[in-house]
């Protein structure tokens, strides 16, 4: 998954956009955007188990 952080300049100030492939999430501050990215990356890196049915089908 490609994650990109971009600053958006608007009339009422800057906003920050996190793009996850084709999905976009906008934040009011850079800190909020970076915290979101950090949480997302840690969840993606966490070990994941397949549900029991899928484990049996994979064997």
N, C-alpha and C. Protein backbone atom coordinates (compact mmCIF):
# COMPACT_ATOMS: atom_id res chain seq x y z
N UNK A 1 0.85 -1.17 0.00
CA UNK A 1 0.00 0.00 0.00
C UNK A 1 0.90 1.23 0.00
N UNK A 2 0.65 2.12 -0.91
CA UNK A 2 1.40 3.37 -0.98
C UNK A 2 0.69 4.42 -0.12
N UNK A 3 1.44 5.07 0.77
CA UNK A 3 0.90 6.11 1.64
C UNK A 3 1.65 7.40 1.34
N UNK A 4 0.90 8.46 1.03
CA UNK A 4 1.52 9.75 0.70
C UNK A 4 0.88 10.85 1.54
N UNK A 5 1.71 11.80 1.98
CA UNK A 5 1.25 12.95 2.76
C UNK A 5 1.49 14.21 1.93
N UNK A 6 0.43 15.02 1.79
CA UNK A 6 0.51 16.23 0.98
C UNK A 6 -0.13 17.40 1.74
N UNK A 7 0.51 18.56 1.66
CA UNK A 7 -0.08 19.76 2.25
C UNK A 7 -0.98 20.42 1.21
N UNK A 8 -2.19 20.77 1.64
CA UNK A 8 -3.14 21.47 0.78
C UNK A 8 -3.29 22.89 1.28
N UNK A 9 -3.14 23.85 0.41
CA UNK A 9 -3.31 25.25 0.80
C UNK A 9 -4.70 25.69 0.37
N UNK A 10 -5.47 26.18 1.33
CA UNK A 10 -6.83 26.64 1.05
C UNK A 10 -6.96 28.06 1.57
N UNK A 11 -8.07 28.70 1.22
CA UNK A 11 -8.32 30.07 1.67
C UNK A 11 -8.30 30.19 3.18
N UNK A 12 -8.82 29.19 3.87
CA UNK A 12 -8.90 29.25 5.33
C UNK A 12 -7.70 28.57 6.00
N UNK A 13 -6.59 28.41 5.29
CA UNK A 13 -5.38 27.84 5.88
C UNK A 13 -5.01 26.50 5.26
N UNK A 14 -3.98 25.92 5.80
CA UNK A 14 -3.47 24.64 5.29
C UNK A 14 -4.25 23.47 5.88
N UNK A 15 -4.37 22.44 5.09
CA UNK A 15 -4.89 21.15 5.51
C UNK A 15 -3.89 20.12 5.01
N UNK A 16 -3.98 18.92 5.55
CA UNK A 16 -3.06 17.86 5.18
C UNK A 16 -3.85 16.67 4.67
N UNK A 17 -3.39 16.11 3.59
CA UNK A 17 -4.09 15.01 2.94
C UNK A 17 -3.22 13.77 2.98
N UNK A 18 -3.80 12.68 3.45
CA UNK A 18 -3.13 11.38 3.44
C UNK A 18 -3.81 10.56 2.35
N UNK A 19 -3.02 10.10 1.41
CA UNK A 19 -3.54 9.30 0.30
C UNK A 19 -3.07 7.87 0.49
N UNK A 20 -4.03 6.95 0.52
CA UNK A 20 -3.76 5.52 0.65
C UNK A 20 -4.17 4.87 -0.66
N UNK A 21 -3.23 4.70 -1.55
CA UNK A 21 -3.52 4.27 -2.91
C UNK A 21 -4.53 5.26 -3.50
N UNK A 22 -5.79 4.86 -3.64
CA UNK A 22 -6.79 5.75 -4.24
C UNK A 22 -7.73 6.37 -3.21
N UNK A 23 -7.56 6.05 -1.95
CA UNK A 23 -8.40 6.60 -0.88
C UNK A 23 -7.72 7.82 -0.28
N UNK A 24 -8.51 8.85 0.04
CA UNK A 24 -7.96 10.10 0.55
C UNK A 24 -8.64 10.46 1.88
N UNK A 25 -7.82 10.87 2.86
CA UNK A 25 -8.32 11.34 4.15
C UNK A 25 -7.67 12.69 4.41
N UNK A 26 -8.46 13.70 4.79
CA UNK A 26 -7.95 15.05 5.00
C UNK A 26 -7.96 15.38 6.49
N UNK A 27 -6.89 16.05 6.95
CA UNK A 27 -6.73 16.43 8.35
C UNK A 27 -6.48 17.93 8.46
N UNK A 28 -6.79 18.50 9.63
CA UNK A 28 -6.58 19.93 9.85
C UNK A 28 -5.13 20.26 10.12
N UNK A 29 -4.39 19.33 10.73
CA UNK A 29 -3.00 19.61 11.08
C UNK A 29 -2.08 18.51 10.58
N UNK A 30 -0.82 18.87 10.42
CA UNK A 30 0.19 17.88 10.02
C UNK A 30 0.34 16.81 11.10
N UNK A 31 0.27 17.21 12.36
CA UNK A 31 0.41 16.26 13.47
C UNK A 31 -0.68 15.19 13.43
N UNK A 32 -1.93 15.60 13.15
CA UNK A 32 -3.03 14.63 13.05
C UNK A 32 -2.78 13.66 11.90
N UNK A 33 -2.34 14.19 10.78
CA UNK A 33 -2.09 13.35 9.60
C UNK A 33 -0.97 12.36 9.88
N UNK A 34 0.11 12.82 10.49
CA UNK A 34 1.24 11.93 10.78
C UNK A 34 0.88 10.88 11.82
N UNK A 35 0.05 11.23 12.80
CA UNK A 35 -0.41 10.26 13.80
C UNK A 35 -1.26 9.18 13.12
N UNK A 36 -2.10 9.57 12.19
CA UNK A 36 -2.92 8.62 11.44
C UNK A 36 -2.02 7.66 10.65
N UNK A 37 -1.01 8.20 9.98
CA UNK A 37 -0.09 7.37 9.21
C UNK A 37 0.65 6.39 10.12
N UNK A 38 1.10 6.86 11.26
CA UNK A 38 1.82 6.00 12.19
C UNK A 38 0.93 4.85 12.67
N UNK A 39 -0.31 5.16 13.02
CA UNK A 39 -1.24 4.12 13.46
C UNK A 39 -1.51 3.12 12.34
N UNK A 40 -1.74 3.63 11.15
CA UNK A 40 -2.01 2.77 10.01
C UNK A 40 -0.82 1.84 9.73
N UNK A 41 0.38 2.39 9.70
CA UNK A 41 1.56 1.58 9.42
C UNK A 41 1.79 0.51 10.49
N UNK A 42 1.54 0.84 11.75
CA UNK A 42 1.72 -0.17 12.80
C UNK A 42 0.68 -1.27 12.69
N UNK A 43 -0.53 -0.92 12.29
CA UNK A 43 -1.57 -1.94 12.11
C UNK A 43 -1.27 -2.82 10.90
N UNK A 44 -0.77 -2.24 9.85
CA UNK A 44 -0.42 -3.03 8.67
C UNK A 44 0.75 -3.98 8.96
N UNK A 45 1.68 -3.56 9.81
CA UNK A 45 2.85 -4.37 10.13
C UNK A 45 2.55 -5.44 11.19
N UNK A 46 1.43 -5.32 11.87
CA UNK A 46 1.09 -6.28 12.92
C UNK A 46 0.81 -7.66 12.33
N UNK A 47 1.11 -8.71 13.10
CA UNK A 47 0.82 -10.06 12.60
C UNK A 47 -0.69 -10.26 12.47
N UNK A 48 -1.08 -10.96 11.44
CA UNK A 48 -2.49 -11.23 11.21
C UNK A 48 -2.69 -12.73 11.03
N UNK A 49 -3.74 -13.25 11.60
CA UNK A 49 -4.08 -14.66 11.45
C UNK A 49 -5.29 -14.78 10.53
N UNK A 50 -5.27 -15.82 9.73
CA UNK A 50 -6.44 -16.11 8.91
C UNK A 50 -7.50 -16.75 9.79
N UNK A 51 -8.78 -16.49 9.50
CA UNK A 51 -9.83 -17.19 10.23
C UNK A 51 -9.68 -18.70 10.05
N UNK A 52 -10.16 -19.48 11.00
CA UNK A 52 -9.98 -20.93 11.02
C UNK A 52 -10.39 -21.58 9.71
N UNK A 53 -11.54 -21.21 9.14
CA UNK A 53 -12.01 -21.82 7.88
C UNK A 53 -11.02 -21.59 6.75
N UNK A 54 -10.48 -20.40 6.64
CA UNK A 54 -9.54 -20.10 5.57
C UNK A 54 -8.22 -20.83 5.79
N UNK A 55 -7.82 -21.04 7.05
CA UNK A 55 -6.60 -21.77 7.33
C UNK A 55 -6.75 -23.22 6.86
N UNK A 56 -7.91 -23.82 7.11
CA UNK A 56 -8.14 -25.22 6.69
C UNK A 56 -8.16 -25.31 5.18
N UNK A 57 -8.78 -24.35 4.50
CA UNK A 57 -8.85 -24.38 3.03
C UNK A 57 -7.48 -24.18 2.40
N UNK A 58 -6.61 -23.43 3.07
CA UNK A 58 -5.28 -23.15 2.53
C UNK A 58 -4.37 -24.38 2.63
N UNK A 59 -4.66 -25.27 3.56
CA UNK A 59 -3.82 -26.47 3.74
C UNK A 59 -4.18 -27.49 2.79
